[in-house]
Amino acid sequence: MTNQATIDRLLAAFPAVEPSEFRGQTRTVVPRESVFDALAFLKGDLGFDMLIDVTCVDYLAYRGARGRFGLVYLLLNTGSGERLVVRTFVDDPEPTVPSVVPLWEGANWLEREVWDLFGMRFEGHPDLRRIVLPEEFTAHPLRKDYPLQGRGERHNFPVITRAEG
């Protein structure tokens, strides 16, 4: 659980942040324009030194959603044990946010996974390329508008036999 003093300091530095709590878990919504600065503040000033995960939610046609994609950062302050969920919302046609690899090197693979599966672009990422799917794959299969049976792209996949490797 996050300390109220932490939330107060975050709000003092970033008044547009919207905190909430659900089942003892503190969550914040940060505008896309200030998400990198807010995450840098959380790391540098408030001690959230561990990025646990970066993930994404595609809201597509969900009524009440603020944007098509909800990007989610899970943070931990290893000194105090505080946890915090930071969300930001991004829209099509080019969903883009700044990369947090300069803050947490571990974000490298996490951001690549989100790009690969959802198509979220991370500006400034040092190596934004596919990590789960082959390079020949041209879509992002965790988007809700991606067909359940795929688009027939399997014919492009390289075939690797046991003898080859």
Foldseek 3Di string as FASTA:
>chain_A
DDDVVLVVVLCVVPVVKDWDDDPRAIEIEHELVCPLVSVCCCVPPVQQQDWPAWAKDQCPPPPPDPERMKIWIWTARVVVRHIYIYIYHAYDDAAEGAQCCVRPVVCLVRVLLRCQQPVHYHPPRPDNAHDPDDRQDDDRNVHPVADPVGDPSPVVDDDDDPVRD
